[in-house]
Every structure is written in C-alpha cells, then in structure tokens.
C-alpha cells in the first residue's frame, strides 16, 4: 500500500503512512489520560456513598471516622505528585496542542 500511495500522491503519501502510528499512539495516550481523570473524579463520590450506607446501631462514630479517612486520603491517580483530574488533563492537552501547532508553523 505504501508504494501505491507513493505512486498516486507523488511521494506525499509516504509521510501520511509514516505518521499514522504516532497519531494512533497519541490518541491512545489521550484516551488513557481522560479515563484516569474520570476515575479520579469518581473517587470524590466514595465518602458520600460510604456515609449513606447503614451499618446498624452504634456505628455512626466508626462510619464518621471511615468517611474522614477516605476524604483525607485523596484517592485517585497522581502524576509527579499532582492529582490527575479532568481539568488538569484538559489543560495539558491545550498546552500540548499549542506546542505542536507552534512547531508545525515554524
């Protein structure tokens, strides 16, 4: 297929076929980052879920301590000590796109 693309597009097709794996890897990494940000956001709802569960009479104090522990643990994905949320993923993608467009316009 590469030789056919070279013959049809006059050599420009080779650049498209050669950049395709990089584009696919970039899309996969982007998808993975968005999933990790979504999971980190869902971890914020765990304390409310535990607080809503009834464990029986006399367990309110233990449940309160458990909810406080879960809230203070900060569950989620961390990259370089910073929590990975959807906001940080979108900011990263924005900066990354600006850098790519700047390099392409050069």
N, C-alpha and C. Protein backbone atom coordinates (compact mmCIF):
# COMPACT_ATOMS: atom_id res chain seq x y z
N UNK A 1 0.81 -1.20 0.00
CA UNK A 1 0.00 0.00 0.00
C UNK A 1 0.86 1.26 0.00
N UNK A 2 2.04 1.19 0.59
CA UNK A 2 2.90 2.36 0.64
C UNK A 2 3.37 2.75 -0.75
N UNK A 3 3.74 1.78 -1.56
CA UNK A 3 4.19 2.08 -2.91
C UNK A 3 3.04 2.60 -3.76
N UNK A 4 1.86 2.07 -3.56
CA UNK A 4 0.68 2.56 -4.29
C UNK A 4 0.40 4.01 -3.92
N UNK A 5 0.53 4.34 -2.61
CA UNK A 5 0.29 5.72 -2.17
C UNK A 5 1.37 6.64 -2.72
N UNK A 6 2.60 6.17 -2.81
CA UNK A 6 3.66 6.99 -3.38
C UNK A 6 3.39 7.30 -4.85
N UNK A 7 2.92 6.29 -5.57
CA UNK A 7 2.65 6.49 -6.99
C UNK A 7 1.47 7.42 -7.22
N UNK A 8 0.46 7.33 -6.41
CA UNK A 8 -0.74 8.15 -6.60
C UNK A 8 -0.52 9.58 -6.13
N UNK A 9 0.09 9.74 -4.93
CA UNK A 9 0.23 11.06 -4.34
C UNK A 9 1.57 11.71 -4.60
N UNK A 10 2.39 11.12 -5.40
CA UNK A 10 3.66 11.74 -5.75
C UNK A 10 4.63 11.84 -4.58
N UNK A 11 4.64 10.86 -3.70
CA UNK A 11 5.59 10.85 -2.59
C UNK A 11 5.03 11.41 -1.30
N UNK A 12 3.97 12.16 -1.36
CA UNK A 12 3.39 12.75 -0.14
C UNK A 12 2.65 11.70 0.68
N UNK A 13 2.24 10.63 0.07
CA UNK A 13 1.53 9.58 0.79
C UNK A 13 2.39 8.86 1.79
N UNK A 14 3.69 8.81 1.54
CA UNK A 14 4.60 8.13 2.47
C UNK A 14 4.62 8.83 3.82
N UNK A 15 4.57 10.14 3.81
CA UNK A 15 4.58 10.90 5.07
C UNK A 15 3.32 10.63 5.88
N UNK A 16 2.21 10.47 5.19
CA UNK A 16 0.94 10.18 5.88
C UNK A 16 1.01 8.81 6.52
N UNK A 17 1.48 7.81 5.78
CA UNK A 17 1.55 6.45 6.32
C UNK A 17 2.57 6.34 7.44
N UNK A 18 3.65 7.11 7.37
CA UNK A 18 4.68 7.04 8.40
C UNK A 18 4.24 7.75 9.68
N UNK A 19 3.37 8.74 9.59
CA UNK A 19 2.92 9.45 10.79
C UNK A 19 1.71 8.78 11.45
N UNK A 20 1.12 7.81 10.79
CA UNK A 20 -0.07 7.16 11.33
C UNK A 20 0.17 6.45 12.67
N UNK A 21 1.25 5.69 12.87
CA UNK A 21 1.46 5.07 14.19
C UNK A 21 1.60 6.09 15.32
N UNK A 22 2.28 7.20 15.06
CA UNK A 22 2.41 8.24 16.07
C UNK A 22 1.08 8.86 16.43
N UNK A 23 0.24 9.05 15.45
CA UNK A 23 -1.09 9.62 15.70
C UNK A 23 -1.93 8.64 16.52
N UNK A 24 -1.85 7.36 16.20
CA UNK A 24 -2.62 6.36 16.94
C UNK A 24 -2.14 6.25 18.39
N UNK A 25 -0.82 6.30 18.61
CA UNK A 25 -0.29 6.26 19.97
C UNK A 25 -0.72 7.50 20.75
N UNK A 26 -0.69 8.66 20.12
CA UNK A 26 -1.11 9.90 20.77
C UNK A 26 -2.59 9.84 21.15
N UNK A 27 -3.42 9.32 20.26
CA UNK A 27 -4.85 9.19 20.58
C UNK A 27 -5.07 8.21 21.73
N UNK A 28 -4.30 7.13 21.77
CA UNK A 28 -4.41 6.17 22.86
C UNK A 28 -4.00 6.76 24.20
N UNK A 29 -2.92 7.52 24.21
CA UNK A 29 -2.47 8.17 25.45
C UNK A 29 -3.49 9.20 25.92
N UNK A 30 -4.04 9.95 24.99
CA UNK A 30 -5.06 10.94 25.34
C UNK A 30 -6.28 10.26 25.95
N UNK A 31 -6.72 9.17 25.36
CA UNK A 31 -7.87 8.43 25.89
C UNK A 31 -7.57 7.91 27.29
N UNK A 32 -6.36 7.39 27.49
CA UNK A 32 -5.96 6.86 28.79
C UNK A 32 -5.95 7.97 29.85
N UNK A 33 -5.45 9.14 29.49
CA UNK A 33 -5.43 10.27 30.43
C UNK A 33 -6.84 10.70 30.81
N UNK A 34 -7.74 10.76 29.83
CA UNK A 34 -9.13 11.13 30.13
C UNK A 34 -9.80 10.09 31.03
N UNK A 35 -9.51 8.80 30.82
CA UNK A 35 -10.08 7.77 31.69
C UNK A 35 -9.53 7.89 33.11
N UNK A 36 -8.23 8.15 33.25
CA UNK A 36 -7.64 8.30 34.58
C UNK A 36 -8.22 9.52 35.29
N UNK A 37 -8.44 10.61 34.56
CA UNK A 37 -9.06 11.79 35.15
C UNK A 37 -10.49 11.53 35.58
N UNK A 38 -11.21 10.73 34.81
CA UNK A 38 -12.58 10.38 35.16
C UNK A 38 -12.62 9.52 36.42
N UNK A 39 -11.70 8.57 36.52
CA UNK A 39 -11.65 7.72 37.70
C UNK A 39 -11.30 8.54 38.94
N UNK A 40 -10.37 9.48 38.80
CA UNK A 40 -10.03 10.35 39.93
C UNK A 40 -11.23 11.18 40.36
N UNK A 41 -12.03 11.62 39.40
CA UNK A 41 -13.23 12.39 39.75
C UNK A 41 -14.27 11.52 40.44
N UNK A 42 -14.37 10.26 40.04
CA UNK A 42 -15.33 9.36 40.67
C UNK A 42 -14.92 9.00 42.09
N UNK A 43 -13.63 9.09 42.40
CA UNK A 43 -13.17 8.81 43.77
C UNK A 43 -13.69 9.86 44.75
N UNK A 44 -14.08 11.02 44.27
CA UNK A 44 -14.63 12.06 45.15
C UNK A 44 -15.99 11.66 45.71
N UNK A 45 -16.70 10.77 45.04
CA UNK A 45 -18.03 10.38 45.50
C UNK A 45 -18.05 9.22 46.47
N UNK A 46 -16.91 8.60 46.72
CA UNK A 46 -16.86 7.44 47.62
C UNK A 46 -17.22 7.80 49.06
N UNK A 47 -16.73 8.91 49.63
CA UNK A 47 -17.13 9.22 51.00
C UNK A 47 -18.64 9.39 51.17
N UNK A 48 -19.30 10.01 50.21
CA UNK A 48 -20.76 10.16 50.30
C UNK A 48 -21.46 8.81 50.21
N UNK A 49 -20.93 7.91 49.41
CA UNK A 49 -21.51 6.58 49.29
C UNK A 49 -21.37 5.81 50.61
N UNK A 50 -20.18 5.85 51.21
CA UNK A 50 -19.97 5.15 52.48
C UNK A 50 -20.83 5.76 53.57
N UNK A 51 -20.99 7.07 53.54
CA UNK A 51 -21.79 7.75 54.55
C UNK A 51 -23.27 7.39 54.42
N UNK A 52 -23.71 7.04 53.24
CA UNK A 52 -25.12 6.71 53.03
C UNK A 52 -25.45 5.27 53.43
N UNK A 53 -24.44 4.43 53.57
CA UNK A 53 -24.68 3.03 53.93
C UNK A 53 -24.93 2.93 55.43
N UNK A 54 -25.93 2.16 55.81
CA UNK A 54 -26.24 1.95 57.22
C UNK A 54 -25.61 0.64 57.68
N UNK A 55 -24.76 0.73 58.69
CA UNK A 55 -24.08 -0.44 59.23
C UNK A 55 -24.73 -0.93 60.53
N UNK A 56 -25.83 -0.35 60.93
CA UNK A 56 -26.52 -0.78 62.14
C UNK A 56 -26.39 0.23 63.26
N UNK A 57 -26.96 -0.11 64.38
CA UNK A 57 -26.96 0.76 65.56
C UNK A 57 -25.55 0.92 66.13
N UNK A 58 -25.20 2.11 66.54
CA UNK A 58 -23.95 2.37 67.23
C UNK A 58 -22.71 2.42 66.36
N UNK A 59 -22.87 2.47 65.06
CA UNK A 59 -21.70 2.51 64.18
C UNK A 59 -21.49 3.88 63.56
N UNK A 60 -22.22 4.88 64.04
CA UNK A 60 -22.11 6.21 63.44
C UNK A 60 -20.72 6.80 63.61
N UNK A 61 -20.11 6.61 64.78
CA UNK A 61 -18.78 7.17 65.04
C UNK A 61 -17.74 6.49 64.15
N UNK A 62 -17.80 5.17 64.07
CA UNK A 62 -16.86 4.44 63.22
C UNK A 62 -17.04 4.81 61.76
N UNK A 63 -18.30 4.97 61.34
CA UNK A 63 -18.56 5.37 59.96
C UNK A 63 -18.04 6.76 59.70
N UNK A 64 -18.19 7.67 60.66
CA UNK A 64 -17.69 9.03 60.52
C UNK A 64 -16.17 9.04 60.39
N UNK A 65 -15.50 8.21 61.19
CA UNK A 65 -14.04 8.12 61.09
C UNK A 65 -13.62 7.54 59.74
N UNK A 66 -14.37 6.56 59.25
CA UNK A 66 -14.06 5.96 57.95
C UNK A 66 -14.23 6.97 56.83
N UNK A 67 -15.31 7.74 56.88
CA UNK A 67 -15.56 8.76 55.86
C UNK A 67 -14.48 9.83 55.90
N UNK A 68 -14.07 10.25 57.10
CA UNK A 68 -12.99 11.23 57.22
C UNK A 68 -11.68 10.68 56.66
N UNK A 69 -11.39 9.41 56.94
CA UNK A 69 -10.17 8.80 56.44
C UNK A 69 -10.17 8.74 54.92
N UNK A 70 -11.30 8.34 54.33
CA UNK A 70 -11.39 8.26 52.87
C UNK A 70 -11.26 9.66 52.26
N UNK A 71 -11.90 10.65 52.87
CA UNK A 71 -11.83 12.02 52.34
C UNK A 71 -10.41 12.57 52.40
N UNK A 72 -9.72 12.29 53.50
CA UNK A 72 -8.37 12.83 53.67
C UNK A 72 -7.30 12.04 52.93
N UNK A 73 -7.62 10.83 52.48
CA UNK A 73 -6.62 10.03 51.78
C UNK A 73 -6.38 10.55 50.36
N UNK A 74 -7.35 11.22 49.77
CA UNK A 74 -7.16 11.78 48.43
C UNK A 74 -6.96 10.72 47.37
N UNK A 75 -7.85 9.74 47.32
CA UNK A 75 -7.72 8.65 46.35
C UNK A 75 -7.84 9.18 44.93
N UNK A 76 -7.10 8.58 44.03
CA UNK A 76 -7.11 8.96 42.63
C UNK A 76 -5.74 8.73 42.02
N UNK A 77 -5.59 9.13 40.79
CA UNK A 77 -4.32 8.99 40.09
C UNK A 77 -3.48 10.25 40.29
N UNK A 78 -2.19 10.04 40.53
CA UNK A 78 -1.25 11.14 40.72
C UNK A 78 -0.12 11.02 39.71
N UNK A 79 0.27 12.16 39.15
CA UNK A 79 1.40 12.22 38.23
C UNK A 79 2.34 13.29 38.75
N UNK A 80 3.57 12.91 39.07
CA UNK A 80 4.57 13.81 39.64
C UNK A 80 4.05 14.54 40.88
N UNK A 81 3.30 13.83 41.72
CA UNK A 81 2.79 14.38 42.97
C UNK A 81 1.57 15.28 42.81
N UNK A 82 1.04 15.39 41.62
CA UNK A 82 -0.14 16.23 41.38
C UNK A 82 -1.31 15.33 40.99
N UNK A 83 -2.47 15.59 41.58
CA UNK A 83 -3.64 14.75 41.29
C UNK A 83 -4.11 14.98 39.86
N UNK A 84 -4.35 13.87 39.16
CA UNK A 84 -4.77 13.92 37.77
C UNK A 84 -6.28 14.00 37.72
N UNK A 85 -6.81 15.17 37.39
CA UNK A 85 -8.24 15.36 37.23
C UNK A 85 -8.52 15.72 35.78
N UNK A 86 -9.80 15.81 35.44
CA UNK A 86 -10.15 16.18 34.07
C UNK A 86 -9.67 17.59 33.73
N UNK A 87 -9.67 18.46 34.72
CA UNK A 87 -9.21 19.84 34.49
C UNK A 87 -7.73 19.85 34.12
N UNK A 88 -6.93 19.07 34.85
CA UNK A 88 -5.50 19.04 34.53
C UNK A 88 -5.24 18.37 33.19
N UNK A 89 -6.03 17.37 32.84
CA UNK A 89 -5.87 16.72 31.54
C UNK A 89 -6.19 17.69 30.41
N UNK A 90 -7.28 18.45 30.56
CA UNK A 90 -7.65 19.41 29.51
C UNK A 90 -6.60 20.51 29.39
N UNK A 91 -6.07 20.98 30.51
CA UNK A 91 -5.01 22.00 30.46
C UNK A 91 -3.76 21.44 29.79
N UNK A 92 -3.39 20.21 30.12
CA UNK A 92 -2.23 19.58 29.49
C UNK A 92 -2.43 19.46 27.99
N UNK A 93 -3.60 19.01 27.57
CA UNK A 93 -3.87 18.85 26.15
C UNK A 93 -3.85 20.20 25.42
N UNK A 94 -4.34 21.24 26.07
CA UNK A 94 -4.31 22.58 25.47
C UNK A 94 -2.87 23.03 25.24
N UNK A 95 -2.03 22.90 26.26
CA UNK A 95 -0.63 23.32 26.14
C UNK A 95 0.08 22.46 25.09
N UNK A 96 -0.20 21.16 25.10
CA UNK A 96 0.43 20.27 24.13
C UNK A 96 0.04 20.65 22.70
N UNK A 97 -1.23 20.97 22.48
CA UNK A 97 -1.68 21.38 21.13
C UNK A 97 -1.04 22.70 20.71
N UNK A 98 -0.87 23.64 21.64
CA UNK A 98 -0.22 24.91 21.32
C UNK A 98 1.22 24.65 20.91
N UNK A 99 1.91 23.78 21.61
CA UNK A 99 3.31 23.47 21.27
C UNK A 99 3.38 22.80 19.90
N UNK A 100 2.51 21.85 19.62
CA UNK A 100 2.52 21.16 18.33
C UNK A 100 2.23 22.12 17.20
N UNK A 101 1.23 22.97 17.36
CA UNK A 101 0.91 23.94 16.30
C UNK A 101 2.05 24.92 16.12
N UNK A 102 2.69 25.34 17.22
CA UNK A 102 3.84 26.23 17.12
C UNK A 102 5.00 25.60 16.38
N UNK A 103 5.24 24.32 16.63
CA UNK A 103 6.32 23.64 15.91
C UNK A 103 5.99 23.41 14.45
N UNK A 104 4.71 23.16 14.15
CA UNK A 104 4.32 22.96 12.76
C UNK A 104 4.35 24.25 11.96
N UNK A 105 4.09 25.37 12.62
CA UNK A 105 4.06 26.66 11.91
C UNK A 105 5.46 27.21 11.68
N UNK A 106 6.41 26.61 12.31
CA UNK A 106 7.79 27.09 12.21
C UNK A 106 8.32 27.01 10.83
